[in-house]
Amino acid sequence: MDKKNIIDKINIALNKIRPMLQQDGGDVELVDFEEKSGVVKVRLQGHCVGCPMAQMTLKQGIEDELKQAVPEVKKVISN
């Protein structure tokens, strides 16, 4: 699968997560996908920035969802 298709799948998965983040005044933006390493870089926005739960949201929410929806994703980091 090419990078564009993977990025499209990542964005679809992020759109499923986004309403939960927006409910608490936050959001997430896709920054980059490194095809070789499988690393997705995202930028947390709004109330997610500086939130004590942001790291847990990133790993147990966003990363878990992306790994399940897009097998090429190996890790999610916040940029």
C-alpha atoms as a PDB file:
ATOM      1  CA  MET A   1       0.000   0.000   0.000  1.00  0.00           C
ATOM      2  CA  ASP A   2       1.380   3.426  -0.852  1.00  0.00           C
ATOM      3  CA  LYS A   3       1.924   6.254   1.612  1.00  0.00           C
ATOM      4  CA  LYS A   4      -1.064   8.295   0.375  1.00  0.00           C
ATOM      5  CA  ASN A   5      -3.469   5.402   1.003  1.00  0.00           C
ATOM      6  CA  ILE A   6      -2.013   4.823   4.465  1.00  0.00           C
ATOM      7  CA  ILE A   7      -2.354   8.531   5.306  1.00  0.00           C
ATOM      8  CA  ASP A   8      -5.973   8.437   4.090  1.00  0.00           C
ATOM      9  CA  LYS A   9      -6.650   5.478   6.421  1.00  0.00           C
ATOM     10  CA  ILE A  10      -4.931   7.295   9.308  1.00  0.00           C
ATOM     11  CA  ASN A  11      -7.113  10.368   8.743  1.00  0.00           C
ATOM     12  CA  ILE A  12     -10.267   8.238   8.669  1.00  0.00           C
ATOM     13  CA  ALA A  13      -9.267   6.674  12.011  1.00  0.00           C
ATOM     14  CA  LEU A  14      -8.436  10.106  13.494  1.00  0.00           C
ATOM     15  CA  ASN A  15     -11.864  11.349  12.416  1.00  0.00           C
ATOM     16  CA  LYS A  16     -13.421   8.586  14.547  1.00  0.00           C
ATOM     17  CA  ILE A  17     -11.385   9.690  17.587  1.00  0.00           C
ATOM     18  CA  ARG A  18     -11.761  13.434  17.050  1.00  0.00           C
ATOM     19  CA  PRO A  19     -15.333  13.838  18.479  1.00  0.00           C
ATOM     20  CA  MET A  20     -14.226  12.424  21.848  1.00  0.00           C
ATOM     21  CA  LEU A  21     -11.326  14.873  22.010  1.00  0.00           C
ATOM     22  CA  GLN A  22     -13.470  17.800  20.879  1.00  0.00           C
ATOM     23  CA  GLN A  23     -16.030  17.001  23.568  1.00  0.00           C
ATOM     24  CA  ASP A  24     -13.344  17.967  26.099  1.00  0.00           C
ATOM     25  CA  GLY A  25     -12.140  21.001  24.117  1.00  0.00           C
ATOM     26  CA  GLY A  26      -9.227  19.263  22.417  1.00  0.00           C
ATOM     27  CA  ASP A  27      -8.320  17.981  18.984  1.00  0.00           C
ATOM     28  CA  VAL A  28      -5.612  16.112  17.083  1.00  0.00           C
ATOM     29  CA  GLU A  29      -3.862  16.913  13.815  1.00  0.00           C
ATOM     30  CA  LEU A  30      -1.834  14.539  11.645  1.00  0.00           C
ATOM     31  CA  VAL A  31       1.660  15.952  11.129  1.00  0.00           C
ATOM     32  CA  ASP A  32       3.472  13.128   9.328  1.00  0.00           C
ATOM     33  CA  PHE A  33       3.695   9.395   8.728  1.00  0.00           C
ATOM     34  CA  GLU A  34       7.143   7.826   8.414  1.00  0.00           C
ATOM     35  CA  GLU A  35       6.594   4.840   6.183  1.00  0.00           C
ATOM     36  CA  LYS A  36       9.858   3.007   7.017  1.00  0.00           C
ATOM     37  CA  SER A  37       9.423   3.094  10.797  1.00  0.00           C
ATOM     38  CA  GLY A  38       5.619   3.093  10.936  1.00  0.00           C
ATOM     39  CA  VAL A  39       5.677   6.173  13.186  1.00  0.00           C
ATOM     40  CA  VAL A  40       2.765   8.610  13.065  1.00  0.00           C
ATOM     41  CA  LYS A  41       3.426  12.139  14.281  1.00  0.00           C
ATOM     42  CA  VAL A  42       0.415  14.043  15.565  1.00  0.00           C
ATOM     43  CA  ARG A  43      -0.082  17.424  17.187  1.00  0.00           C
ATOM     44  CA  LEU A  44      -2.489  17.624  20.091  1.00  0.00           C
ATOM     45  CA  GLN A  45      -4.510  20.833  20.136  1.00  0.00           C
ATOM     46  CA  GLY A  46      -6.793  22.840  22.374  1.00  0.00           C
ATOM     47  CA  HIS A  47      -7.254  21.552  25.903  1.00  0.00           C
ATOM     48  CA  CYS A  48      -5.156  18.467  25.059  1.00  0.00           C
ATOM     49  CA  VAL A  49      -2.064  20.680  25.108  1.00  0.00           C
ATOM     50  CA  GLY A  50      -0.651  20.517  28.611  1.00  0.00           C
ATOM     51  CA  CYS A  51      -3.375  18.227  29.894  1.00  0.00           C
ATOM     52  CA  PRO A  52      -2.093  15.728  32.482  1.00  0.00           C
ATOM     53  CA  MET A  53      -4.051  12.969  30.691  1.00  0.00           C
ATOM     54  CA  ALA A  54      -2.654  13.825  27.232  1.00  0.00           C
ATOM     55  CA  GLN A  55       0.010  11.098  27.251  1.00  0.00           C
ATOM     56  CA  MET A  56      -2.536   8.460  28.206  1.00  0.00           C
ATOM     57  CA  THR A  57      -4.912   9.756  25.527  1.00  0.00           C
ATOM     58  CA  LEU A  58      -2.078   9.593  23.015  1.00  0.00           C
ATOM     59  CA  LYS A  59      -1.029   6.018  23.843  1.00  0.00           C
ATOM     60  CA  GLN A  60      -4.221   4.297  24.999  1.00  0.00           C
ATOM     61  CA  GLY A  61      -6.613   6.205  22.776  1.00  0.00           C
ATOM     62  CA  ILE A  62      -5.045   7.507  19.595  1.00  0.00           C
ATOM     63  CA  GLU A  63      -2.207   4.982  19.207  1.00  0.00           C
ATOM     64  CA  ASP A  64      -4.380   1.950  19.999  1.00  0.00           C
ATOM     65  CA  GLU A  65      -7.082   3.070  17.552  1.00  0.00           C
ATOM     66  CA  LEU A  66      -4.593   3.803  14.765  1.00  0.00           C
ATOM     67  CA  LYS A  67      -2.752   0.495  15.208  1.00  0.00           C
ATOM     68  CA  GLN A  68      -6.043  -1.377  15.022  1.00  0.00           C
ATOM     69  CA  ALA A  69      -7.322   0.534  11.965  1.00  0.00           C
ATOM     70  CA  VAL A  70      -4.015   0.791  10.088  1.00  0.00           C
ATOM     71  CA  PRO A  71      -1.657  -2.201  10.530  1.00  0.00           C
ATOM     72  CA  GLU A  72       1.251  -0.199   9.047  1.00  0.00           C
ATOM     73  CA  VAL A  73       1.204   2.067  12.135  1.00  0.00           C
ATOM     74  CA  LYS A  74       3.696   0.901  14.767  1.00  0.00           C
ATOM     75  CA  LYS A  75       3.886   3.940  17.073  1.00  0.00           C
ATOM     76  CA  VAL A  76       2.273   7.355  17.585  1.00  0.00           C
ATOM     77  CA  ILE A  77       4.202  10.310  18.946  1.00  0.00           C
ATOM     78  CA  SER A  78       3.188  13.866  19.696  1.00  0.00           C
ATOM     79  CA  ASN A  79       5.058  16.547  17.821  1.00  0.00           C
END
